[in-house]
N, C-alpha and C. Protein backbone atom coordinates (compact mmCIF):
# COMPACT_ATOMS: atom_id res chain seq x y z
N MET A 1 3.95 1.65 -1.91
CA MET A 1 4.06 3.02 -1.39
C MET A 1 5.55 3.34 -1.20
N LYS A 2 6.29 2.40 -0.71
CA LYS A 2 7.74 2.70 -0.52
C LYS A 2 8.42 2.94 -1.85
N GLY A 3 8.02 2.27 -2.91
CA GLY A 3 8.53 2.53 -4.23
C GLY A 3 8.21 3.87 -4.72
N ASP A 4 6.93 4.33 -4.47
CA ASP A 4 6.52 5.65 -4.86
C ASP A 4 7.33 6.74 -4.12
N LEU A 5 7.53 6.51 -2.84
CA LEU A 5 8.25 7.47 -2.06
C LEU A 5 9.77 7.51 -2.55
N THR A 6 10.30 6.36 -2.82
CA THR A 6 11.66 6.31 -3.37
C THR A 6 11.82 7.02 -4.73
N ALA A 7 10.83 6.79 -5.55
CA ALA A 7 10.84 7.43 -6.88
C ALA A 7 10.74 8.92 -6.81
N HIS A 8 10.13 9.39 -5.75
CA HIS A 8 10.02 10.86 -5.57
C HIS A 8 11.10 11.39 -4.61
N GLU A 9 12.03 10.55 -4.32
CA GLU A 9 13.23 10.86 -3.45
C GLU A 9 12.80 11.39 -2.06
N ARG A 10 11.81 10.69 -1.49
CA ARG A 10 11.31 10.97 -0.17
C ARG A 10 11.87 9.95 0.81
N VAL A 11 12.34 10.41 1.93
CA VAL A 11 12.90 9.52 2.98
C VAL A 11 11.69 9.03 3.80
N PHE A 12 11.79 7.74 4.22
CA PHE A 12 10.81 7.19 5.07
C PHE A 12 11.47 6.20 6.00
N ARG A 13 10.88 5.94 7.16
CA ARG A 13 11.51 5.09 8.12
C ARG A 13 11.08 3.63 7.80
N LYS A 14 11.84 2.65 8.34
CA LYS A 14 11.49 1.25 8.14
C LYS A 14 10.19 0.94 8.89
N THR A 15 9.13 0.60 8.17
CA THR A 15 7.90 0.37 8.77
C THR A 15 6.98 -0.50 7.82
N HIS A 16 5.98 -1.13 8.46
CA HIS A 16 4.95 -1.77 7.67
C HIS A 16 3.57 -1.09 7.84
N ASP A 17 3.59 0.07 8.45
CA ASP A 17 2.43 0.87 8.75
C ASP A 17 1.96 1.62 7.49
N LEU A 18 0.96 1.07 6.87
CA LEU A 18 0.55 1.68 5.53
C LEU A 18 -0.17 2.99 5.81
N ASP A 19 -0.67 3.27 6.99
CA ASP A 19 -1.23 4.60 7.25
C ASP A 19 -0.13 5.65 7.20
N GLU A 20 0.96 5.35 7.80
CA GLU A 20 2.10 6.27 7.79
C GLU A 20 2.61 6.50 6.39
N LEU A 21 2.77 5.39 5.63
CA LEU A 21 3.31 5.46 4.29
C LEU A 21 2.29 6.19 3.37
N ALA A 22 0.99 5.94 3.54
CA ALA A 22 -0.02 6.57 2.73
C ALA A 22 -0.06 8.08 2.96
N ARG A 23 0.11 8.53 4.22
CA ARG A 23 0.17 9.99 4.44
C ARG A 23 1.33 10.59 3.71
N ALA A 24 2.44 9.89 3.63
CA ALA A 24 3.63 10.44 2.93
C ALA A 24 3.39 10.52 1.42
N CYS A 25 2.75 9.49 0.94
CA CYS A 25 2.42 9.47 -0.54
C CYS A 25 1.38 10.52 -0.89
N GLU A 26 0.38 10.73 0.00
CA GLU A 26 -0.63 11.69 -0.22
C GLU A 26 -0.03 13.14 -0.26
N ALA A 27 1.06 13.32 0.49
CA ALA A 27 1.73 14.67 0.45
C ALA A 27 2.27 14.92 -0.90
N ILE A 28 2.59 13.88 -1.65
CA ILE A 28 3.13 14.02 -3.01
C ILE A 28 2.04 14.26 -3.97
N ASP A 29 0.95 13.53 -3.83
CA ASP A 29 -0.18 13.60 -4.86
C ASP A 29 -1.47 13.37 -4.07
N GLN A 30 -2.29 14.37 -3.88
CA GLN A 30 -3.52 14.33 -3.12
C GLN A 30 -4.57 13.46 -3.87
N THR A 31 -4.44 13.30 -5.19
CA THR A 31 -5.41 12.53 -5.90
C THR A 31 -5.41 11.02 -5.49
N LEU A 32 -4.33 10.64 -4.80
CA LEU A 32 -4.19 9.25 -4.32
C LEU A 32 -5.00 8.97 -3.05
N LYS A 33 -5.39 10.05 -2.43
CA LYS A 33 -6.01 9.95 -1.11
C LYS A 33 -7.17 8.93 -0.96
N PRO A 34 -8.10 8.89 -1.88
CA PRO A 34 -9.22 7.92 -1.76
C PRO A 34 -8.72 6.50 -1.75
N ILE A 35 -7.87 6.13 -2.64
CA ILE A 35 -7.44 4.72 -2.75
C ILE A 35 -6.46 4.40 -1.60
N LEU A 36 -5.62 5.34 -1.22
CA LEU A 36 -4.72 5.10 -0.13
C LEU A 36 -5.47 5.01 1.22
N HIS A 37 -6.54 5.72 1.32
CA HIS A 37 -7.37 5.58 2.54
C HIS A 37 -7.85 4.17 2.67
N GLU A 38 -8.30 3.56 1.57
CA GLU A 38 -8.74 2.19 1.68
C GLU A 38 -7.60 1.16 1.91
N ALA A 39 -6.41 1.61 1.46
CA ALA A 39 -5.29 0.69 1.52
C ALA A 39 -4.81 0.53 2.98
N ARG A 40 -5.17 1.44 3.84
CA ARG A 40 -4.77 1.33 5.23
C ARG A 40 -5.24 -0.01 5.86
N ASP A 41 -6.35 -0.55 5.38
CA ASP A 41 -6.88 -1.80 5.83
C ASP A 41 -5.91 -2.97 5.54
N LEU A 42 -4.97 -2.76 4.64
CA LEU A 42 -4.04 -3.83 4.27
C LEU A 42 -2.85 -3.97 5.26
N THR A 43 -2.72 -3.03 6.15
CA THR A 43 -1.56 -3.05 7.06
C THR A 43 -1.48 -4.41 7.82
N VAL A 44 -2.61 -4.91 8.30
CA VAL A 44 -2.60 -6.13 9.04
C VAL A 44 -1.98 -7.29 8.23
N PHE A 45 -2.21 -7.26 6.92
CA PHE A 45 -1.72 -8.34 6.01
C PHE A 45 -0.20 -8.29 5.90
N ALA A 46 0.41 -7.22 6.28
CA ALA A 46 1.88 -7.10 6.21
C ALA A 46 2.59 -7.95 7.26
N TRP A 47 1.83 -8.24 8.28
CA TRP A 47 2.52 -9.01 9.43
C TRP A 47 1.61 -10.04 10.05
N GLU A 48 0.31 -9.85 10.13
CA GLU A 48 -0.53 -10.77 10.91
C GLU A 48 -0.50 -12.22 10.44
N PHE A 49 -0.48 -12.41 9.16
CA PHE A 49 -0.63 -13.77 8.62
C PHE A 49 0.71 -14.31 8.07
N ARG A 50 1.80 -13.56 8.37
CA ARG A 50 3.10 -13.94 7.79
C ARG A 50 3.55 -15.28 8.33
N TYR A 51 3.34 -15.51 9.58
CA TYR A 51 3.82 -16.73 10.25
C TYR A 51 2.70 -17.52 10.82
N PRO A 52 2.79 -18.84 10.78
CA PRO A 52 1.69 -19.63 11.33
C PRO A 52 1.63 -19.39 12.84
N GLY A 53 0.48 -19.62 13.45
CA GLY A 53 0.33 -19.40 14.87
C GLY A 53 -1.08 -19.09 15.26
N ASP A 54 -1.23 -18.16 16.13
CA ASP A 54 -2.51 -17.86 16.75
C ASP A 54 -3.43 -17.05 15.85
N SER A 55 -2.97 -16.53 14.75
CA SER A 55 -3.81 -15.66 13.90
C SER A 55 -4.89 -16.44 13.22
N GLN A 56 -6.04 -15.84 13.14
CA GLN A 56 -7.11 -16.41 12.37
C GLN A 56 -6.87 -16.14 10.90
N VAL A 57 -6.88 -17.18 10.11
CA VAL A 57 -6.60 -17.02 8.65
C VAL A 57 -7.84 -16.34 8.01
N PRO A 58 -7.55 -15.35 7.13
CA PRO A 58 -8.71 -14.73 6.48
C PRO A 58 -9.45 -15.68 5.55
N SER A 59 -10.72 -15.43 5.37
CA SER A 59 -11.51 -16.24 4.45
C SER A 59 -11.00 -16.05 3.04
N GLN A 60 -11.35 -16.94 2.16
CA GLN A 60 -10.91 -16.82 0.72
C GLN A 60 -11.52 -15.52 0.17
N GLU A 61 -12.76 -15.26 0.53
CA GLU A 61 -13.43 -14.02 0.08
C GLU A 61 -12.65 -12.75 0.49
N GLU A 62 -12.31 -12.77 1.72
CA GLU A 62 -11.58 -11.58 2.28
C GLU A 62 -10.21 -11.48 1.64
N ALA A 63 -9.52 -12.59 1.51
CA ALA A 63 -8.23 -12.58 0.81
C ALA A 63 -8.31 -12.06 -0.62
N VAL A 64 -9.31 -12.49 -1.32
CA VAL A 64 -9.50 -11.99 -2.73
C VAL A 64 -9.84 -10.49 -2.75
N GLN A 65 -10.66 -10.07 -1.83
CA GLN A 65 -10.96 -8.64 -1.73
C GLN A 65 -9.72 -7.78 -1.42
N MET A 66 -8.90 -8.24 -0.48
CA MET A 66 -7.73 -7.50 -0.16
C MET A 66 -6.66 -7.55 -1.26
N LEU A 67 -6.55 -8.62 -1.98
CA LEU A 67 -5.67 -8.73 -3.10
C LEU A 67 -6.12 -7.81 -4.21
N THR A 68 -7.41 -7.73 -4.50
CA THR A 68 -7.97 -6.81 -5.47
C THR A 68 -7.61 -5.32 -5.13
N LEU A 69 -7.83 -4.99 -3.80
CA LEU A 69 -7.52 -3.69 -3.34
C LEU A 69 -6.06 -3.39 -3.45
N ALA A 70 -5.16 -4.35 -3.12
CA ALA A 70 -3.74 -4.10 -3.28
C ALA A 70 -3.36 -3.91 -4.70
N ARG A 71 -3.95 -4.61 -5.61
CA ARG A 71 -3.68 -4.39 -7.05
C ARG A 71 -4.17 -3.03 -7.46
N GLN A 72 -5.28 -2.55 -6.94
CA GLN A 72 -5.77 -1.23 -7.31
C GLN A 72 -4.82 -0.12 -6.82
N VAL A 73 -4.29 -0.32 -5.64
CA VAL A 73 -3.36 0.63 -5.03
C VAL A 73 -2.07 0.67 -5.89
N VAL A 74 -1.55 -0.50 -6.22
CA VAL A 74 -0.31 -0.54 -7.04
C VAL A 74 -0.53 0.16 -8.36
N THR A 75 -1.66 -0.06 -9.00
CA THR A 75 -1.96 0.55 -10.32
C THR A 75 -2.08 2.02 -10.15
N ALA A 76 -2.72 2.51 -9.09
CA ALA A 76 -2.87 3.96 -8.89
C ALA A 76 -1.49 4.63 -8.67
N LEU A 77 -0.61 3.92 -7.87
CA LEU A 77 0.69 4.51 -7.61
C LEU A 77 1.54 4.46 -8.89
N LEU A 78 1.50 3.41 -9.64
CA LEU A 78 2.26 3.32 -10.91
C LEU A 78 1.85 4.41 -11.90
N ASP A 79 0.48 4.64 -11.96
CA ASP A 79 -0.04 5.61 -12.94
C ASP A 79 0.42 7.05 -12.66
N GLN A 80 0.73 7.34 -11.41
CA GLN A 80 1.07 8.71 -11.18
C GLN A 80 2.58 8.98 -11.17
N LEU A 81 3.39 7.88 -11.42
CA LEU A 81 4.84 8.00 -11.49
C LEU A 81 5.20 8.79 -12.74
N PRO A 82 6.33 9.56 -12.64
CA PRO A 82 6.78 10.24 -13.84
C PRO A 82 7.04 9.21 -14.99
N THR A 83 6.80 9.63 -16.19
CA THR A 83 6.90 8.69 -17.35
C THR A 83 8.20 7.95 -17.47
N PRO A 84 9.37 8.56 -17.27
CA PRO A 84 10.62 7.85 -17.41
C PRO A 84 10.76 6.68 -16.38
N ILE A 85 10.04 6.70 -15.31
CA ILE A 85 10.10 5.72 -14.27
C ILE A 85 9.14 4.53 -14.45
N ARG A 86 8.05 4.79 -15.11
CA ARG A 86 7.00 3.81 -15.27
C ARG A 86 7.51 2.53 -15.93
N PRO A 87 7.02 1.39 -15.42
CA PRO A 87 7.40 0.10 -16.08
C PRO A 87 6.74 -0.07 -17.41
């Protein structure tokens, strides 16, 4: 999402809050709203499991589901980028 905002020359604050970033991306392209709505569930994965400690590790099934979702979000964001920027 940060890459999408950068590609569209939008300023954003330093954050791991995917809800905040999703709202900014949706302001650029409303067609992203359904997938970015689901992506909000990924916020916890940005920090919760980063360091060992008191966090309960997600199950393999949950991890696979969230990785699949993350890939879908990345694909959707890449697909809407202007052609000269696309990888």
